[in-house]
């Protein structure tokens, strides 16, 4: 028992040290050229896109939100039950606990590996760390904003009464039923979809579709308005893309071509790990693990 406790303590210490070292490495890593470019559009085009997104959210708030009042009661029971299951995928803990525990596990075992194993673990930890920072950061940002703005949820707006109750904002209400805008579930769903999608491009379409289902569930279940889920998805997606740019600028997880295009570095996939453990071509396998 004492030996097991010592091992757990050593692993926990190694995980904490790994997190601290990773943070210092990220902060101290110099920016490199060429600089990464997320959007090919210029400043005016980006401003136009921002105005367009804001206009769509405002239009949704005025035109669509009133139409969804009592939508749950108008839906077939089977549809409601389906979305009750889907909506749980937007809980932060559903994604962040597995990702966070995976990161701690990799950092805990890293000191016990040989040099080649530590390089593979470092590459894996960098990718998991990117996922955690992206999803947790987007979720935290939306959580702060929604409690600051204090928009009533649909069921709370009904209790308030009035034709424009859905447009009320009670700043700093700090209540769960006044934390509708933006949607937290939607932000977690889209942050997860975008973060995993940039690392695994082939999975982008199903991930985005799943995020749309989670966002739709919040409207169907009467917990949010359409503008809430739209804003949550936009804020989370932009946050993740900016995180991608920050990592790419330091050549961590992502590479940057001469024209600024960002691409995920080839990481420790099962195929590359098999090459790494093969007796043939060890130098080539080691180079792939480093990348």
C-alpha atoms as a PDB file:
ATOM      1  CA  UNK A   1       0.000   0.000   0.000  1.00  0.00           C
ATOM      2  CA  UNK A   2       2.837   2.372   0.857  1.00  0.00           C
ATOM      3  CA  UNK A   3       4.523   1.628  -2.450  1.00  0.00           C
ATOM      4  CA  UNK A   4       1.276   2.298  -4.330  1.00  0.00           C
ATOM      5  CA  UNK A   5       0.785   5.584  -2.472  1.00  0.00           C
ATOM      6  CA  UNK A   6       4.353   6.598  -3.276  1.00  0.00           C
ATOM      7  CA  UNK A   7       3.805   5.786  -6.947  1.00  0.00           C
ATOM      8  CA  UNK A   8       0.568   7.794  -7.072  1.00  0.00           C
ATOM      9  CA  UNK A   9       2.258  10.717  -5.336  1.00  0.00           C
ATOM     10  CA  UNK A  10       5.184  10.588  -7.745  1.00  0.00           C
ATOM     11  CA  UNK A  11       2.856  10.447 -10.754  1.00  0.00           C
ATOM     12  CA  UNK A  12       0.792  13.365  -9.449  1.00  0.00           C
ATOM     13  CA  UNK A  13       3.941  15.405  -8.877  1.00  0.00           C
ATOM     14  CA  UNK A  14       5.185  14.571 -12.363  1.00  0.00           C
ATOM     15  CA  UNK A  15       1.842  15.604 -13.869  1.00  0.00           C
ATOM     16  CA  UNK A  16       1.850  18.960 -12.068  1.00  0.00           C
ATOM     17  CA  UNK A  17       5.459  19.586 -13.033  1.00  0.00           C
ATOM     18  CA  UNK A  18       4.621  18.682 -16.610  1.00  0.00           C
ATOM     19  CA  UNK A  19       1.760  21.178 -16.684  1.00  0.00           C
ATOM     20  CA  UNK A  20       4.014  23.921 -15.316  1.00  0.00           C
ATOM     21  CA  UNK A  21       6.800  23.100 -17.751  1.00  0.00           C
ATOM     22  CA  UNK A  22       4.332  23.034 -20.627  1.00  0.00           C
ATOM     23  CA  UNK A  23       2.984  26.467 -19.673  1.00  0.00           C
ATOM     24  CA  UNK A  24       6.496  27.905 -19.420  1.00  0.00           C
ATOM     25  CA  UNK A  25       7.417  26.330 -22.742  1.00  0.00           C
ATOM     26  CA  UNK A  26       4.356  27.814 -24.445  1.00  0.00           C
ATOM     27  CA  UNK A  27       5.006  31.277 -23.025  1.00  0.00           C
ATOM     28  CA  UNK A  28       8.736  31.231 -23.701  1.00  0.00           C
ATOM     29  CA  UNK A  29       8.543  29.796 -27.197  1.00  0.00           C
ATOM     30  CA  UNK A  30       9.475  32.608 -29.623  1.00  0.00           C
ATOM     31  CA  UNK A  31       7.172  33.655 -32.431  1.00  0.00           C
ATOM     32  CA  UNK A  32       8.402  32.543 -35.822  1.00  0.00           C
ATOM     33  CA  UNK A  33       8.063  33.702 -39.383  1.00  0.00           C
ATOM     34  CA  UNK A  34       6.210  33.409 -41.634  1.00  0.00           C
ATOM     35  CA  UNK A  35       3.306  34.393 -39.417  1.00  0.00           C
ATOM     36  CA  UNK A  36       0.264  32.113 -39.545  1.00  0.00           C
ATOM     37  CA  UNK A  37      -2.877  33.283 -41.305  1.00  0.00           C
ATOM     38  CA  UNK A  38      -6.253  31.882 -40.318  1.00  0.00           C
ATOM     39  CA  UNK A  39      -8.231  33.946 -42.789  1.00  0.00           C
ATOM     40  CA  UNK A  40      -7.100  34.919 -46.264  1.00  0.00           C
ATOM     41  CA  UNK A  41      -9.294  38.017 -46.112  1.00  0.00           C
ATOM     42  CA  UNK A  42      -7.888  41.403 -45.193  1.00  0.00           C
ATOM     43  CA  UNK A  43      -8.812  43.698 -42.329  1.00  0.00           C
ATOM     44  CA  UNK A  44     -11.847  45.248 -44.013  1.00  0.00           C
ATOM     45  CA  UNK A  45     -13.175  41.852 -45.024  1.00  0.00           C
ATOM     46  CA  UNK A  46     -12.792  40.562 -41.455  1.00  0.00           C
ATOM     47  CA  UNK A  47     -14.593  43.622 -40.130  1.00  0.00           C
ATOM     48  CA  UNK A  48     -17.397  42.976 -42.601  1.00  0.00           C
ATOM     49  CA  UNK A  49     -17.626  39.347 -41.454  1.00  0.00           C
ATOM     50  CA  UNK A  50     -17.781  40.446 -37.814  1.00  0.00           C
ATOM     51  CA  UNK A  51     -20.556  42.918 -38.607  1.00  0.00           C
ATOM     52  CA  UNK A  52     -22.399  40.228 -40.567  1.00  0.00           C
ATOM     53  CA  UNK A  53     -22.163  37.757 -37.680  1.00  0.00           C
ATOM     54  CA  UNK A  54     -23.373  40.374 -35.214  1.00  0.00           C
ATOM     55  CA  UNK A  55     -26.231  41.314 -37.527  1.00  0.00           C
ATOM     56  CA  UNK A  56     -27.294  37.673 -37.872  1.00  0.00           C
ATOM     57  CA  UNK A  57     -27.336  37.252 -34.099  1.00  0.00           C
ATOM     58  CA  UNK A  58     -29.336  40.471 -33.666  1.00  0.00           C
ATOM     59  CA  UNK A  59     -31.778  39.485 -36.416  1.00  0.00           C
ATOM     60  CA  UNK A  60     -32.217  36.071 -34.842  1.00  0.00           C
ATOM     61  CA  UNK A  61     -32.861  37.708 -31.481  1.00  0.00           C
ATOM     62  CA  UNK A  62     -35.605  39.912 -32.924  1.00  0.00           C
ATOM     63  CA  UNK A  63     -37.196  37.653 -35.550  1.00  0.00           C
ATOM     64  CA  UNK A  64     -36.590  34.016 -34.570  1.00  0.00           C
ATOM     65  CA  UNK A  65     -36.415  33.995 -30.787  1.00  0.00           C
ATOM     66  CA  UNK A  66     -40.094  34.900 -30.220  1.00  0.00           C
ATOM     67  CA  UNK A  67     -41.165  32.036 -32.512  1.00  0.00           C
ATOM     68  CA  UNK A  68     -39.531  29.385 -30.320  1.00  0.00           C
ATOM     69  CA  UNK A  69     -41.570  30.119 -27.201  1.00  0.00           C
ATOM     70  CA  UNK A  70     -43.065  26.861 -25.941  1.00  0.00           C
ATOM     71  CA  UNK A  71     -41.413  24.858 -28.733  1.00  0.00           C
ATOM     72  CA  UNK A  72     -40.817  21.898 -26.423  1.00  0.00           C
ATOM     73  CA  UNK A  73     -44.550  21.466 -25.865  1.00  0.00           C
ATOM     74  CA  UNK A  74     -45.161  21.388 -29.622  1.00  0.00           C
ATOM     75  CA  UNK A  75     -42.586  18.689 -30.325  1.00  0.00           C
ATOM     76  CA  UNK A  76     -43.352  14.934 -30.392  1.00  0.00           C
ATOM     77  CA  UNK A  77     -42.247  13.198 -27.215  1.00  0.00           C
ATOM     78  CA  UNK A  78     -39.806  11.000 -29.147  1.00  0.00           C
ATOM     79  CA  UNK A  79     -38.039  14.096 -30.503  1.00  0.00           C
ATOM     80  CA  UNK A  80     -37.797  15.605 -27.036  1.00  0.00           C
ATOM     81  CA  UNK A  81     -36.316  12.391 -25.637  1.00  0.00           C
ATOM     82  CA  UNK A  82     -33.788  12.259 -28.477  1.00  0.00           C
ATOM     83  CA  UNK A  83     -32.573  15.781 -27.820  1.00  0.00           C
ATOM     84  CA  UNK A  84     -32.502  15.163 -24.060  1.00  0.00           C
ATOM     85  CA  UNK A  85     -29.823  12.562 -24.737  1.00  0.00           C
ATOM     86  CA  UNK A  86     -27.974  14.659 -27.293  1.00  0.00           C
ATOM     87  CA  UNK A  87     -27.813  17.776 -25.122  1.00  0.00           C
ATOM     88  CA  UNK A  88     -25.596  16.071 -22.523  1.00  0.00           C
ATOM     89  CA  UNK A  89     -22.760  16.101 -25.071  1.00  0.00           C
ATOM     90  CA  UNK A  90     -22.556  19.859 -24.586  1.00  0.00           C
ATOM     91  CA  UNK A  91     -21.670  19.608 -20.912  1.00  0.00           C
ATOM     92  CA  UNK A  92     -18.123  20.759 -20.285  1.00  0.00           C
ATOM     93  CA  UNK A  93     -17.329  17.821 -18.038  1.00  0.00           C
ATOM     94  CA  UNK A  94     -18.239  15.283 -20.713  1.00  0.00           C
ATOM     95  CA  UNK A  95     -15.371  16.540 -22.869  1.00  0.00           C
ATOM     96  CA  UNK A  96     -12.967  18.226 -20.468  1.00  0.00           C
ATOM     97  CA  UNK A  97     -12.699  15.457 -17.882  1.00  0.00           C
ATOM     98  CA  UNK A  98     -11.514  12.807 -20.395  1.00  0.00           C
ATOM     99  CA  UNK A  99      -9.208  15.275 -22.147  1.00  0.00           C
ATOM    100  CA  UNK A 100      -7.811  16.606 -18.870  1.00  0.00           C
ATOM    101  CA  UNK A 101      -7.268  13.144 -17.395  1.00  0.00           C
ATOM    102  CA  UNK A 102      -5.587  11.997 -20.609  1.00  0.00           C
ATOM    103  CA  UNK A 103      -3.227  14.972 -20.416  1.00  0.00           C
ATOM    104  CA  UNK A 104      -2.376  14.271 -16.766  1.00  0.00           C
ATOM    105  CA  UNK A 105      -1.824  10.583 -17.532  1.00  0.00           C
ATOM    106  CA  UNK A 106       0.611  11.335 -20.357  1.00  0.00           C
ATOM    107  CA  UNK A 107       2.524  13.829 -18.222  1.00  0.00           C
ATOM    108  CA  UNK A 108       2.607  11.392 -15.291  1.00  0.00           C
ATOM    109  CA  UNK A 109       4.156   8.512 -17.258  1.00  0.00           C
ATOM    110  CA  UNK A 110       6.499  10.672 -19.340  1.00  0.00           C
ATOM    111  CA  UNK A 111       9.402  10.716 -16.796  1.00  0.00           C
ATOM    112  CA  UNK A 112       9.440   6.898 -16.680  1.00  0.00           C
ATOM    113  CA  UNK A 113       9.984   6.550 -20.421  1.00  0.00           C
ATOM    114  CA  UNK A 114      13.213   6.427 -22.371  1.00  0.00           C
ATOM    115  CA  UNK A 115      14.315   9.324 -24.550  1.00  0.00           C
ATOM    116  CA  UNK A 116      12.315   8.213 -27.566  1.00  0.00           C
ATOM    117  CA  UNK A 117       9.236   7.559 -25.450  1.00  0.00           C
ATOM    118  CA  UNK A 118       9.489  10.986 -23.837  1.00  0.00           C
ATOM    119  CA  UNK A 119       9.542  12.629 -27.250  1.00  0.00           C
ATOM    120  CA  UNK A 120       6.413  10.767 -28.263  1.00  0.00           C
ATOM    121  CA  UNK A 121       4.745  11.638 -24.947  1.00  0.00           C
ATOM    122  CA  UNK A 122       5.682  15.306 -25.372  1.00  0.00           C
ATOM    123  CA  UNK A 123       4.157  15.385 -28.858  1.00  0.00           C
ATOM    124  CA  UNK A 124       1.002  13.706 -27.575  1.00  0.00           C
ATOM    125  CA  UNK A 125       0.784  16.020 -24.548  1.00  0.00           C
ATOM    126  CA  UNK A 126       1.087  19.076 -26.801  1.00  0.00           C
ATOM    127  CA  UNK A 127      -1.888  17.965 -28.877  1.00  0.00           C
ATOM    128  CA  UNK A 128      -4.030  17.058 -25.882  1.00  0.00           C
ATOM    129  CA  UNK A 129      -3.011  20.320 -24.240  1.00  0.00           C
ATOM    130  CA  UNK A 130      -4.154  22.247 -27.299  1.00  0.00           C
ATOM    131  CA  UNK A 131      -7.540  20.526 -27.116  1.00  0.00           C
ATOM    132  CA  UNK A 132      -7.913  21.301 -23.417  1.00  0.00           C
ATOM    133  CA  UNK A 133      -6.888  24.949 -23.733  1.00  0.00           C
ATOM    134  CA  UNK A 134      -9.195  25.488 -26.706  1.00  0.00           C
ATOM    135  CA  UNK A 135     -12.300  23.868 -25.228  1.00  0.00           C
ATOM    136  CA  UNK A 136     -11.841  25.010 -21.629  1.00  0.00           C
ATOM    137  CA  UNK A 137     -10.903  28.540 -22.679  1.00  0.00           C
ATOM    138  CA  UNK A 138     -13.915  28.933 -24.954  1.00  0.00           C
ATOM    139  CA  UNK A 139     -16.234  27.507 -22.311  1.00  0.00           C
ATOM    140  CA  UNK A 140     -14.851  29.770 -19.590  1.00  0.00           C
ATOM    141  CA  UNK A 141     -15.136  32.867 -21.781  1.00  0.00           C
ATOM    142  CA  UNK A 142     -18.778  32.153 -22.602  1.00  0.00           C
ATOM    143  CA  UNK A 143     -19.536  31.315 -18.963  1.00  0.00           C
ATOM    144  CA  UNK A 144     -18.257  34.706 -17.810  1.00  0.00           C
ATOM    145  CA  UNK A 145     -20.065  36.612 -20.562  1.00  0.00           C
ATOM    146  CA  UNK A 146     -23.425  34.904 -20.052  1.00  0.00           C
ATOM    147  CA  UNK A 147     -23.475  35.629 -16.316  1.00  0.00           C
ATOM    148  CA  UNK A 148     -22.419  39.228 -16.904  1.00  0.00           C
ATOM    149  CA  UNK A 149     -25.125  39.909 -19.494  1.00  0.00           C
ATOM    150  CA  UNK A 150     -27.935  38.239 -17.559  1.00  0.00           C
ATOM    151  CA  UNK A 151     -30.366  37.406 -20.346  1.00  0.00           C
ATOM    152  CA  UNK A 152     -33.361  35.393 -19.057  1.00  0.00           C
ATOM    153  CA  UNK A 153     -33.792  31.886 -20.379  1.00  0.00           C
ATOM    154  CA  UNK A 154     -37.047  31.229 -22.280  1.00  0.00           C
ATOM    155  CA  UNK A 155     -38.844  29.833 -19.234  1.00  0.00           C
ATOM    156  CA  UNK A 156     -37.659  32.785 -17.112  1.00  0.00           C
ATOM    157  CA  UNK A 157     -38.808  35.238 -19.785  1.00  0.00           C
ATOM    158  CA  UNK A 158     -42.304  33.732 -19.592  1.00  0.00           C
ATOM    159  CA  UNK A 159     -42.381  34.456 -15.878  1.00  0.00           C
ATOM    160  CA  UNK A 160     -41.299  38.041 -16.517  1.00  0.00           C
ATOM    161  CA  UNK A 161     -44.150  38.571 -18.945  1.00  0.00           C
ATOM    162  CA  UNK A 162     -44.344  41.245 -21.596  1.00  0.00           C
ATOM    163  CA  UNK A 163     -44.059  41.148 -25.369  1.00  0.00           C
ATOM    164  CA  UNK A 164     -40.307  41.831 -25.398  1.00  0.00           C
ATOM    165  CA  UNK A 165     -39.267  39.824 -22.345  1.00  0.00           C
ATOM    166  CA  UNK A 166     -36.829  37.881 -24.523  1.00  0.00           C
ATOM    167  CA  UNK A 167     -34.921  41.124 -25.150  1.00  0.00           C
ATOM    168  CA  UNK A 168     -34.394  41.892 -21.468  1.00  0.00           C
ATOM    169  CA  UNK A 169     -30.840  41.874 -20.090  1.00  0.00           C
ATOM    170  CA  UNK A 170     -30.367  42.018 -16.322  1.00  0.00           C
ATOM    171  CA  UNK A 171     -26.672  42.833 -16.037  1.00  0.00           C
ATOM    172  CA  UNK A 172     -24.788  41.012 -13.281  1.00  0.00           C
ATOM    173  CA  UNK A 173     -27.885  39.087 -12.212  1.00  0.00           C
ATOM    174  CA  UNK A 174     -25.565  36.113 -11.569  1.00  0.00           C
ATOM    175  CA  UNK A 175     -28.421  33.605 -11.707  1.00  0.00           C
ATOM    176  CA  UNK A 176     -28.604  30.392 -13.722  1.00  0.00           C
ATOM    177  CA  UNK A 177     -32.037  31.263 -15.128  1.00  0.00           C
ATOM    178  CA  UNK A 178     -30.601  34.616 -16.266  1.00  0.00           C
ATOM    179  CA  UNK A 179     -27.631  33.098 -18.110  1.00  0.00           C
ATOM    180  CA  UNK A 180     -29.078  32.414 -21.528  1.00  0.00           C
ATOM    181  CA  UNK A 181     -26.818  34.404 -23.870  1.00  0.00           C
ATOM    182  CA  UNK A 182     -24.542  32.930 -25.182  1.00  0.00           C
ATOM    183  CA  UNK A 183     -25.247  29.210 -24.823  1.00  0.00           C
ATOM    184  CA  UNK A 184     -22.641  27.280 -22.844  1.00  0.00           C
ATOM    185  CA  UNK A 185     -23.601  23.902 -24.328  1.00  0.00           C
ATOM    186  CA  UNK A 186     -23.343  25.331 -27.825  1.00  0.00           C
ATOM    187  CA  UNK A 187     -19.928  26.834 -27.097  1.00  0.00           C
ATOM    188  CA  UNK A 188     -18.546  23.552 -25.748  1.00  0.00           C
ATOM    189  CA  UNK A 189     -19.988  21.605 -28.684  1.00  0.00           C
ATOM    190  CA  UNK A 190     -18.548  23.912 -31.338  1.00  0.00           C
ATOM    191  CA  UNK A 191     -15.235  24.391 -29.537  1.00  0.00           C
ATOM    192  CA  UNK A 192     -14.867  20.605 -29.405  1.00  0.00           C
ATOM    193  CA  UNK A 193     -15.840  20.212 -33.055  1.00  0.00           C
ATOM    194  CA  UNK A 194     -13.473  22.908 -34.312  1.00  0.00           C
ATOM    195  CA  UNK A 195     -10.551  21.901 -32.061  1.00  0.00           C
ATOM    196  CA  UNK A 196     -10.743  18.220 -32.969  1.00  0.00           C
ATOM    197  CA  UNK A 197     -11.533  19.138 -36.569  1.00  0.00           C
ATOM    198  CA  UNK A 198      -8.317  21.088 -37.101  1.00  0.00           C
ATOM    199  CA  UNK A 199      -6.302  18.130 -35.789  1.00  0.00           C
ATOM    200  CA  UNK A 200      -8.336  15.498 -37.630  1.00  0.00           C
ATOM    201  CA  UNK A 201      -9.611  17.096 -40.861  1.00  0.00           C
ATOM    202  CA  UNK A 202     -11.422  13.961 -42.019  1.00  0.00           C
ATOM    203  CA  UNK A 203     -13.685  14.131 -38.968  1.00  0.00           C
ATOM    204  CA  UNK A 204     -14.731  17.756 -39.464  1.00  0.00           C
ATOM    205  CA  UNK A 205     -18.092  17.148 -41.122  1.00  0.00           C
ATOM    206  CA  UNK A 206     -19.514  14.674 -38.568  1.00  0.00           C
ATOM    207  CA  UNK A 207     -18.133  16.766 -35.707  1.00  0.00           C
ATOM    208  CA  UNK A 208     -19.802  19.949 -36.982  1.00  0.00           C
ATOM    209  CA  UNK A 209     -23.067  18.089 -37.588  1.00  0.00           C
ATOM    210  CA  UNK A 210     -22.976  16.772 -34.029  1.00  0.00           C
ATOM    211  CA  UNK A 211     -22.324  20.288 -32.728  1.00  0.00           C
ATOM    212  CA  UNK A 212     -25.369  21.542 -34.639  1.00  0.00           C
ATOM    213  CA  UNK A 213     -27.472  18.795 -33.049  1.00  0.00           C
ATOM    214  CA  UNK A 214     -26.303  19.781 -29.571  1.00  0.00           C
ATOM    215  CA  UNK A 215     -27.024  23.440 -30.289  1.00  0.00           C
ATOM    216  CA  UNK A 216     -30.468  22.580 -31.663  1.00  0.00           C
ATOM    217  CA  UNK A 217     -31.240  20.543 -28.556  1.00  0.00           C
ATOM    218  CA  UNK A 218     -30.912  23.640 -26.388  1.00  0.00           C
ATOM    219  CA  UNK A 219     -33.634  25.378 -28.392  1.00  0.00           C
ATOM    220  CA  UNK A 220     -35.914  22.336 -28.601  1.00  0.00           C
ATOM    221  CA  UNK A 221     -35.679  21.736 -24.853  1.00  0.00           C
ATOM    222  CA  UNK A 222     -36.539  25.356 -24.108  1.00  0.00           C
ATOM    223  CA  UNK A 223     -33.249  26.205 -22.404  1.00  0.00           C
ATOM    224  CA  UNK A 224     -32.047  28.740 -24.978  1.00  0.00           C
ATOM    225  CA  UNK A 225     -33.112  30.924 -27.871  1.00  0.00           C
ATOM    226  CA  UNK A 226     -31.697  30.488 -31.398  1.00  0.00           C
ATOM    227  CA  UNK A 227     -29.601  33.643 -30.966  1.00  0.00           C
ATOM    228  CA  UNK A 228     -28.048  32.149 -27.818  1.00  0.00           C
ATOM    229  CA  UNK A 229     -26.771  29.036 -29.562  1.00  0.00           C
ATOM    230  CA  UNK A 230     -25.668  31.023 -32.613  1.00  0.00           C
ATOM    231  CA  UNK A 231     -23.630  33.386 -30.445  1.00  0.00           C
ATOM    232  CA  UNK A 232     -22.157  30.509 -28.445  1.00  0.00           C
ATOM    233  CA  UNK A 233     -21.042  28.738 -31.599  1.00  0.00           C
ATOM    234  CA  UNK A 234     -19.510  31.869 -33.126  1.00  0.00           C
ATOM    235  CA  UNK A 235     -17.617  32.901 -29.983  1.00  0.00           C
ATOM    236  CA  UNK A 236     -16.277  29.393 -29.382  1.00  0.00           C
ATOM    237  CA  UNK A 237     -15.202  28.873 -32.992  1.00  0.00           C
ATOM    238  CA  UNK A 238     -13.353  32.192 -33.114  1.00  0.00           C
ATOM    239  CA  UNK A 239     -11.653  31.461 -29.780  1.00  0.00           C
ATOM    240  CA  UNK A 240     -10.424  28.065 -30.994  1.00  0.00           C
ATOM    241  CA  UNK A 241      -9.131  29.503 -34.267  1.00  0.00           C
ATOM    242  CA  UNK A 242      -7.221  32.183 -32.365  1.00  0.00           C
ATOM    243  CA  UNK A 243      -5.757  29.434 -30.163  1.00  0.00           C
ATOM    244  CA  UNK A 244      -4.696  27.593 -33.310  1.00  0.00           C
ATOM    245  CA  UNK A 245      -2.981  30.767 -34.493  1.00  0.00           C
ATOM    246  CA  UNK A 246      -1.192  31.201 -31.144  1.00  0.00           C
ATOM    247  CA  UNK A 247       0.115  27.623 -31.222  1.00  0.00           C
ATOM    248  CA  UNK A 248       1.029  27.820 -34.910  1.00  0.00           C
ATOM    249  CA  UNK A 249       2.950  31.068 -34.421  1.00  0.00           C
ATOM    250  CA  UNK A 250       5.219  29.134 -32.043  1.00  0.00           C
ATOM    251  CA  UNK A 251       5.271  26.017 -34.267  1.00  0.00           C
ATOM    252  CA  UNK A 252       3.642  23.921 -31.565  1.00  0.00           C
ATOM    253  CA  UNK A 253       1.290  21.215 -32.913  1.00  0.00           C
ATOM    254  CA  UNK A 254       0.847  23.179 -36.160  1.00  0.00           C
ATOM    255  CA  UNK A 255       3.187  24.052 -39.017  1.00  0.00           C
ATOM    256  CA  UNK A 256       2.999  27.152 -41.216  1.00  0.00           C
ATOM    257  CA  UNK A 257       3.772  27.235 -44.928  1.00  0.00           C
ATOM    258  CA  UNK A 258       5.468  30.096 -46.740  1.00  0.00           C
ATOM    259  CA  UNK A 259       2.122  31.759 -47.513  1.00  0.00           C
ATOM    260  CA  UNK A 260       0.956  31.503 -43.890  1.00  0.00           C
ATOM    261  CA  UNK A 261      -1.311  28.492 -44.311  1.00  0.00           C
ATOM    262  CA  UNK A 262      -1.671  26.484 -41.089  1.00  0.00           C
ATOM    263  CA  UNK A 263      -1.556  22.685 -41.086  1.00  0.00           C
ATOM    264  CA  UNK A 264      -1.467  20.170 -38.226  1.00  0.00           C
ATOM    265  CA  UNK A 265       1.929  18.551 -37.794  1.00  0.00           C
ATOM    266  CA  UNK A 266       2.035  14.777 -38.275  1.00  0.00           C
ATOM    267  CA  UNK A 267       1.627  13.503 -34.727  1.00  0.00           C
ATOM    268  CA  UNK A 268       2.102  10.145 -32.969  1.00  0.00           C
ATOM    269  CA  UNK A 269      -0.614   8.190 -34.768  1.00  0.00           C
ATOM    270  CA  UNK A 270      -0.835   4.380 -34.378  1.00  0.00           C
ATOM    271  CA  UNK A 271       0.910   3.977 -37.738  1.00  0.00           C
ATOM    272  CA  UNK A 272       3.807   6.217 -36.710  1.00  0.00           C
ATOM    273  CA  UNK A 273       4.053   4.582 -33.295  1.00  0.00           C
ATOM    274  CA  UNK A 274       4.355   1.215 -35.032  1.00  0.00           C
ATOM    275  CA  UNK A 275       7.193   2.601 -37.140  1.00  0.00           C
ATOM    276  CA  UNK A 276       8.754   4.060 -34.025  1.00  0.00           C
ATOM    277  CA  UNK A 277       8.870   0.660 -32.335  1.00  0.00           C
ATOM    278  CA  UNK A 278      10.054  -1.172 -35.433  1.00  0.00           C
ATOM    279  CA  UNK A 279      13.759  -2.078 -35.523  1.00  0.00           C
ATOM    280  CA  UNK A 280      14.157  -0.748 -39.053  1.00  0.00           C
ATOM    281  CA  UNK A 281      14.755   2.908 -39.848  1.00  0.00           C
ATOM    282  CA  UNK A 282      14.858   4.182 -36.222  1.00  0.00           C
ATOM    283  CA  UNK A 283      16.179   7.606 -37.225  1.00  0.00           C
ATOM    284  CA  UNK A 284      13.282   8.177 -39.599  1.00  0.00           C
ATOM    285  CA  UNK A 285      10.765   7.116 -36.962  1.00  0.00           C
ATOM    286  CA  UNK A 286      12.395   9.416 -34.416  1.00  0.00           C
ATOM    287  CA  UNK A 287      12.139  12.356 -36.807  1.00  0.00           C
ATOM    288  CA  UNK A 288       8.408  11.682 -37.252  1.00  0.00           C
ATOM    289  CA  UNK A 289       7.890  11.516 -33.498  1.00  0.00           C
ATOM    290  CA  UNK A 290       9.637  14.864 -33.049  1.00  0.00           C
ATOM    291  CA  UNK A 291       7.352  16.524 -35.571  1.00  0.00           C
END
